[in-house]
Protein backbone atom coordinates (compact mmCIF):
# COMPACT_ATOMS: atom_id res chain seq x y z
CA MET A 1 11.40 7.11 26.43
CA GLU A 2 9.23 8.22 23.51
CA GLN A 3 10.28 6.69 20.20
CA THR A 4 10.19 8.59 16.90
CA VAL A 5 8.84 7.15 13.66
CA LEU A 6 9.88 8.87 10.42
CA ILE A 7 7.33 8.42 7.63
CA THR A 8 7.97 9.09 3.94
CA GLY A 9 4.80 9.72 1.94
CA GLY A 10 3.22 10.71 5.23
CA THR A 11 0.82 13.27 3.75
CA GLY A 12 -1.23 10.70 1.77
CA SER A 13 -4.37 8.96 3.03
CA ILE A 14 -2.46 5.99 4.47
CA GLY A 15 0.22 8.21 6.00
CA ARG A 16 -2.30 10.50 7.68
CA ARG A 17 -4.21 7.64 9.32
CA LEU A 18 -0.97 5.89 10.25
CA THR A 19 0.21 9.10 11.96
CA GLN A 20 -2.99 9.24 14.04
CA LEU A 21 -2.68 5.61 15.17
CA LEU A 22 1.05 5.94 15.95
CA GLN A 23 0.38 9.01 18.08
CA GLN A 24 -2.39 7.13 19.90
CA GLU A 25 0.18 4.42 20.67
CA GLY A 26 2.52 7.02 22.17
CA TYR A 27 4.99 7.42 19.30
CA GLN A 28 6.42 10.74 18.15
CA VAL A 29 5.92 11.14 14.38
CA SER A 30 8.00 13.04 11.85
CA VAL A 31 7.57 13.07 8.07
CA LEU A 32 9.75 13.66 5.05
CA SER A 33 7.95 15.91 2.60
CA ARG A 34 8.60 17.98 -0.51
CA SER A 35 6.24 20.59 0.92
CA GLN A 36 6.97 22.97 3.79
CA LYS A 37 3.34 22.85 4.86
CA ALA A 38 3.00 22.39 8.63
CA ILE A 39 1.21 19.33 10.04
CA ALA A 40 -0.20 19.60 13.56
CA GLY A 41 1.77 17.56 16.09
CA VAL A 42 4.26 16.36 13.47
CA HIS A 43 7.80 17.54 12.69
CA VAL A 44 8.10 18.05 8.91
CA TYR A 45 11.55 17.57 7.38
CA GLN A 46 12.38 18.51 3.79
CA TRP A 47 13.55 16.20 1.04
CA ASP A 48 13.70 16.37 -2.73
CA VAL A 49 14.21 12.95 -4.27
CA LYS A 50 14.92 14.22 -7.80
CA LYS A 51 17.63 16.58 -6.50
CA GLY A 52 19.01 13.99 -4.09
CA HIS A 53 18.42 16.20 -1.05
CA ILE A 54 17.36 14.97 2.39
CA ASP A 55 17.54 16.74 5.76
CA PRO A 56 20.02 14.61 7.76
CA GLN A 57 18.23 15.56 10.99
CA SER A 58 15.27 13.45 9.83
CA ILE A 59 17.49 10.36 10.02
CA ALA A 60 19.36 11.43 13.16
CA THR A 61 16.16 11.75 15.20
CA ALA A 62 14.42 8.55 14.00
CA ASP A 63 14.10 5.23 15.84
CA HIS A 64 12.06 3.67 13.02
CA ILE A 65 11.38 4.49 9.35
CA ILE A 66 8.15 3.69 7.51
CA HIS A 67 8.64 4.17 3.78
CA LEU A 68 5.41 4.85 1.87
CA ALA A 69 6.62 7.29 -0.80
CA GLY A 70 5.84 6.58 -4.45
CA GLU A 71 3.72 7.93 -7.30
CA GLY A 72 0.16 6.56 -7.43
CA VAL A 73 -0.11 3.58 -9.78
CA ALA A 74 -3.70 4.30 -10.86
CA ASP A 75 -3.63 8.10 -10.82
CA GLU A 76 -2.86 8.66 -14.51
CA ARG A 77 -2.75 6.78 -17.83
CA TRP A 78 0.54 4.87 -18.23
CA THR A 79 2.59 6.79 -20.77
CA ASP A 80 6.29 5.90 -20.99
CA GLN A 81 7.03 8.99 -18.89
CA ARG A 82 4.44 8.02 -16.27
CA LYS A 83 5.79 4.48 -16.05
CA ASP A 84 9.26 5.90 -15.47
CA GLU A 85 7.89 8.14 -12.68
CA ILE A 86 6.14 5.18 -11.03
CA MET A 87 9.39 3.19 -11.04
CA THR A 88 11.90 5.90 -10.11
CA SER A 89 9.74 7.49 -7.39
CA ARG A 90 10.07 4.22 -5.49
CA THR A 91 13.65 3.21 -6.20
CA GLN A 92 15.25 6.68 -6.06
CA SER A 93 13.50 7.59 -2.80
CA THR A 94 14.71 4.35 -1.22
CA ASN A 95 18.25 4.88 -2.55
CA LEU A 96 18.26 8.36 -1.02
CA LEU A 97 17.32 6.90 2.37
CA VAL A 98 20.06 4.26 2.01
CA GLN A 99 22.67 6.93 1.29
CA ALA A 100 21.52 9.05 4.26
CA LEU A 101 21.63 6.06 6.61
CA ALA A 102 25.08 5.04 5.36
CA LYS A 103 26.58 8.54 5.70
CA ASN A 104 25.01 9.91 8.89
CA PRO A 105 25.10 8.80 12.54
CA HIS A 106 21.71 7.32 13.50
CA HIS A 107 19.92 4.95 15.86
CA VAL A 108 17.31 3.53 13.46
CA ASN A 109 16.12 0.15 14.76
CA SER A 110 13.75 -0.89 11.99
CA PHE A 111 12.72 -0.06 8.45
CA ILE A 112 9.18 -0.98 7.36
CA GLY A 113 8.84 -0.58 3.61
CA ALA A 114 5.72 -0.55 1.49
CA SER A 115 5.60 -3.05 -1.35
CA ALA A 116 2.66 -4.44 -3.33
CA ILE A 117 0.97 -7.68 -4.33
CA GLY A 118 1.62 -6.50 -7.90
CA TYR A 119 4.84 -8.48 -7.34
CA TYR A 120 2.96 -11.63 -8.35
CA GLY A 121 1.69 -10.22 -11.66
CA SER A 122 -1.46 -8.34 -12.62
CA ASN A 123 -3.63 -11.38 -13.32
CA THR A 124 -2.95 -14.70 -11.62
CA ASP A 125 -6.57 -15.96 -11.65
CA ASP A 126 -7.59 -18.04 -8.63
CA ARG A 127 -4.16 -19.58 -7.95
CA PRO A 128 -3.40 -19.13 -4.21
CA LEU A 129 -0.29 -17.00 -3.74
CA THR A 130 1.90 -16.82 -0.64
CA GLU A 131 5.08 -14.91 0.16
CA THR A 132 7.18 -17.67 -1.45
CA SER A 133 5.22 -17.72 -4.74
CA GLN A 134 7.03 -16.77 -7.93
CA GLY A 135 6.93 -13.14 -9.09
CA GLY A 136 5.28 -11.99 -12.29
CA SER A 137 6.86 -10.39 -15.36
CA ASP A 138 4.55 -7.48 -16.32
CA PHE A 139 5.21 -3.81 -15.63
CA LEU A 140 3.93 -3.69 -12.04
CA ALA A 141 5.78 -6.88 -11.15
CA GLN A 142 8.99 -5.32 -12.48
CA VAL A 143 8.33 -2.17 -10.44
CA VAL A 144 7.78 -4.12 -7.23
CA ARG A 145 10.83 -6.30 -7.79
CA ALA A 146 13.04 -3.22 -8.26
CA TRP A 147 11.34 -1.55 -5.26
CA GLU A 148 12.03 -4.52 -2.99
CA ARG A 149 15.62 -4.80 -4.25
CA SER A 150 16.22 -1.17 -3.33
CA GLU A 151 14.76 -1.82 0.14
CA GLU A 152 17.09 -4.79 0.61
CA GLN A 153 19.97 -2.30 0.74
CA ILE A 154 18.60 -1.14 4.10
CA SER A 155 18.92 -4.68 5.41
CA SER A 156 22.56 -4.80 4.25
CA LEU A 157 23.22 -1.83 6.58
CA GLY A 158 22.28 -4.03 9.54
CA ILE A 159 18.81 -2.54 10.05
CA ARG A 160 15.90 -4.94 10.56
CA THR A 161 13.84 -4.67 7.39
CA VAL A 162 10.19 -5.59 6.85
CA LYS A 163 8.42 -5.36 3.49
CA LEU A 164 4.62 -5.34 3.39
CA ARG A 165 3.19 -6.42 0.03
CA ILE A 166 0.01 -4.38 0.21
CA GLY A 167 -3.25 -5.49 -1.41
CA VAL A 168 -6.20 -3.32 -2.44
CA VAL A 169 -6.55 -0.87 0.45
CA LEU A 170 -10.15 -0.03 1.34
CA LEU A 171 -10.45 3.54 2.61
CA SER A 172 -13.20 6.13 2.44
CA ASP A 173 -11.30 9.07 0.94
CA GLY A 174 -9.08 7.56 -1.74
CA GLY A 175 -8.00 4.46 -3.62
CA ALA A 176 -10.37 2.08 -5.37
CA LEU A 177 -13.37 2.05 -3.04
CA PRO A 178 -14.85 5.52 -3.77
CA LYS A 179 -14.39 4.89 -7.51
CA ILE A 180 -16.34 1.63 -7.29
CA ALA A 181 -18.95 2.94 -4.85
CA GLN A 182 -19.88 6.18 -6.63
CA PRO A 183 -21.51 4.58 -9.74
CA ILE A 184 -23.34 2.15 -7.40
CA ARG A 185 -24.70 5.09 -5.37
CA LEU A 186 -25.96 6.57 -8.67
CA GLY A 187 -27.57 3.29 -9.72
CA VAL A 188 -25.15 2.57 -12.58
CA GLY A 189 -22.66 0.24 -10.88
CA ALA A 190 -21.67 -3.14 -12.30
CA PRO A 191 -18.90 -5.74 -12.00
CA ILE A 192 -15.95 -5.36 -14.38
CA GLY A 193 -15.12 -7.93 -17.06
CA SER A 194 -16.03 -11.46 -16.01
CA GLY A 195 -16.35 -10.29 -12.41
CA GLN A 196 -14.48 -13.45 -11.37
CA GLN A 197 -11.07 -11.79 -10.92
CA TYR A 198 -10.04 -11.79 -7.26
CA ILE A 199 -9.50 -8.70 -5.12
CA SER A 200 -7.13 -9.25 -2.20
CA TRP A 201 -8.26 -6.40 0.03
CA ILE A 202 -7.37 -4.89 3.40
CA HIS A 203 -9.06 -2.22 5.54
CA LEU A 204 -6.97 0.93 6.02
CA ASP A 205 -6.85 0.56 9.82
CA ASP A 206 -5.64 -3.03 9.65
CA LEU A 207 -2.92 -2.01 7.21
CA CYS A 208 -1.76 0.80 9.51
CA ARG A 209 -1.77 -1.59 12.48
CA LEU A 210 0.38 -4.01 10.46
CA PHE A 211 2.95 -1.25 9.93
CA ILE A 212 2.91 -0.50 13.66
CA GLN A 213 3.30 -4.14 14.68
CA GLY A 214 6.05 -4.55 12.09
CA LEU A 215 8.12 -1.82 13.75
CA SER A 216 7.30 -2.71 17.37
CA ASP A 217 7.80 -6.50 17.16
CA ALA A 218 11.47 -7.37 16.60
CA SER A 219 10.57 -10.87 15.36
CA TRP A 220 9.17 -9.45 12.12
CA GLN A 221 11.65 -9.72 9.25
CA GLY A 222 11.37 -9.91 5.47
CA VAL A 223 8.26 -10.05 3.27
CA TYR A 224 4.63 -10.29 4.44
CA ASN A 225 1.45 -10.18 2.35
CA ALA A 226 -0.57 -7.29 3.83
CA VAL A 227 -4.04 -8.52 2.90
CA ALA A 228 -7.15 -9.58 4.81
CA PRO A 229 -7.71 -13.34 5.20
CA ASN A 230 -10.61 -13.54 2.72
CA PRO A 231 -10.05 -12.39 -0.89
CA VAL A 232 -13.28 -11.88 -2.86
CA THR A 233 -14.15 -11.65 -6.53
CA ASN A 234 -14.81 -8.33 -8.22
CA GLU A 235 -18.44 -9.42 -8.56
CA THR A 236 -18.73 -10.15 -4.81
CA MET A 237 -17.08 -6.84 -3.95
CA THR A 238 -19.51 -4.96 -6.21
CA GLN A 239 -22.55 -6.83 -4.88
CA THR A 240 -21.50 -6.31 -1.25
CA ILE A 241 -21.02 -2.56 -1.77
CA ALA A 242 -24.50 -2.42 -3.34
CA GLN A 243 -26.00 -4.31 -0.37
CA VAL A 244 -24.29 -2.03 2.17
CA LEU A 245 -25.52 1.06 0.29
CA HIS A 246 -28.99 -0.48 -0.30
CA ARG A 247 -28.70 0.12 -4.03
CA PRO A 248 -29.68 -2.26 -6.86
CA LEU A 249 -27.27 -3.53 -9.50
CA LEU A 250 -29.26 -3.29 -12.73
CA LEU A 251 -26.65 -3.20 -15.49
CA PRO A 252 -24.70 -6.00 -17.17
CA ASN A 253 -20.99 -6.35 -16.42
CA ILE A 254 -18.73 -3.64 -17.88
CA PRO A 255 -16.72 -5.32 -20.70
CA ALA A 256 -12.98 -5.54 -20.07
CA PHE A 257 -12.25 -4.17 -23.57
CA ALA A 258 -14.11 -0.96 -22.70
CA ILE A 259 -11.89 -0.46 -19.65
CA LYS A 260 -8.81 -1.11 -21.80
CA LEU A 261 -9.95 1.45 -24.37
CA LEU A 262 -10.39 4.00 -21.60
CA TYR A 263 -7.25 3.36 -19.57
CA GLY A 264 -4.83 1.52 -21.86
CA GLU A 265 -2.26 -0.70 -20.14
CA MET A 266 -3.29 0.67 -16.73
CA ALA A 267 -6.60 -1.24 -17.15
CA THR A 268 -4.84 -4.36 -15.83
CA VAL A 269 -5.13 -2.81 -12.34
CA VAL A 270 -8.91 -3.45 -12.43
CA THR A 271 -9.38 -6.15 -15.09
CA GLY A 272 -6.76 -8.43 -13.53
CA GLY A 273 -6.80 -10.01 -10.10
CA ASN A 274 -4.85 -12.00 -7.51
CA TYR A 275 -5.81 -14.53 -4.85
CA VAL A 276 -3.19 -13.57 -2.26
CA LEU A 277 -2.99 -15.21 1.17
CA ASN A 278 -1.58 -13.65 4.34
CA LYS A 279 0.28 -16.86 5.20
CA ARG A 280 3.20 -15.45 7.19
CA ILE A 281 0.99 -13.07 9.21
CA ALA A 282 -1.40 -15.95 10.02
CA ASP A 283 1.27 -18.56 10.78
CA GLU A 284 4.12 -16.60 12.34
CA THR A 285 2.69 -13.51 14.08
CA SER A 286 0.22 -12.61 16.83
CA PHE A 287 -1.49 -9.96 14.68
CA MET A 288 -5.26 -9.84 15.06
CA TYR A 289 -7.31 -8.24 12.25
CA THR A 290 -10.18 -5.92 13.14
CA TYR A 291 -11.81 -6.44 9.72
CA THR A 292 -11.83 -9.96 8.29
CA ASP A 293 -15.42 -9.65 7.04
CA LEU A 294 -15.89 -7.54 3.91
CA THR A 295 -19.42 -6.39 4.84
CA LYS A 296 -18.26 -5.03 8.21
CA ALA A 297 -15.26 -3.32 6.59
CA LEU A 298 -17.51 -1.64 4.01
CA GLU A 299 -20.09 -0.60 6.60
CA ASN A 300 -17.33 1.10 8.57
CA LEU A 301 -16.07 2.99 5.51
CA LEU A 302 -19.23 3.77 3.51
CA LEU A 303 -21.93 4.47 6.09
């Protein structure tokens, strides 16, 4: 019998690709959305997190839930209001799902929640980090800790819960990659700051396949670092993009203080870095990455 996966945040770049791959695997897909806009081949249910409204049918028809919803961390400068939106969009949306699952009859087998490697702090240098490493204390670390706490409530309802701490997702139509690649295409690209800060990256397709394996394999439980096996420095990332695009890198590194002047506190997203390892995926699961080599990942996305 066909199983149904309910996705929150399903209209974003990750959600759209995830929907395609789930459908290819034979799953039925439904999404929770604020918009009433139709999506081909997908049942769209309404919810409004701020008003506390969710269509109970979305829960009643789901076998699995993938929770991606949350305001973009790097979309706008971090004012106090924006920081509040980043936090509450994650915790309130999860709390609304918890309430719906607690109140309504359902047959949800698994909950796969997005989290982020921001849990470890915005700048942890080259110290290797695994799922058992200590969390950080800055704003993003606080957001992720609250986010994961809210997702733990799902587990307390007796539903198998998986949390994927997602690294820097490489995709062609959003996220960091187009922002880094565009200046390089124009001949004005350069590493940021020292260039030695680590980027723990993952190709979009591998991330989506991790979500799918997380819901289909009942042995998955708890936190996993959703990153490729080989973190690289900002300098290596920039140089590799330039090589793939056959463009020179002529300029000196962009000073970190200039990024901070431009973006304020949000600059830590690009001036900081983490060396995060996918230890649990490597040691405990059968998952096979398609893209472990950065050059091949970039060729797939940029060419």
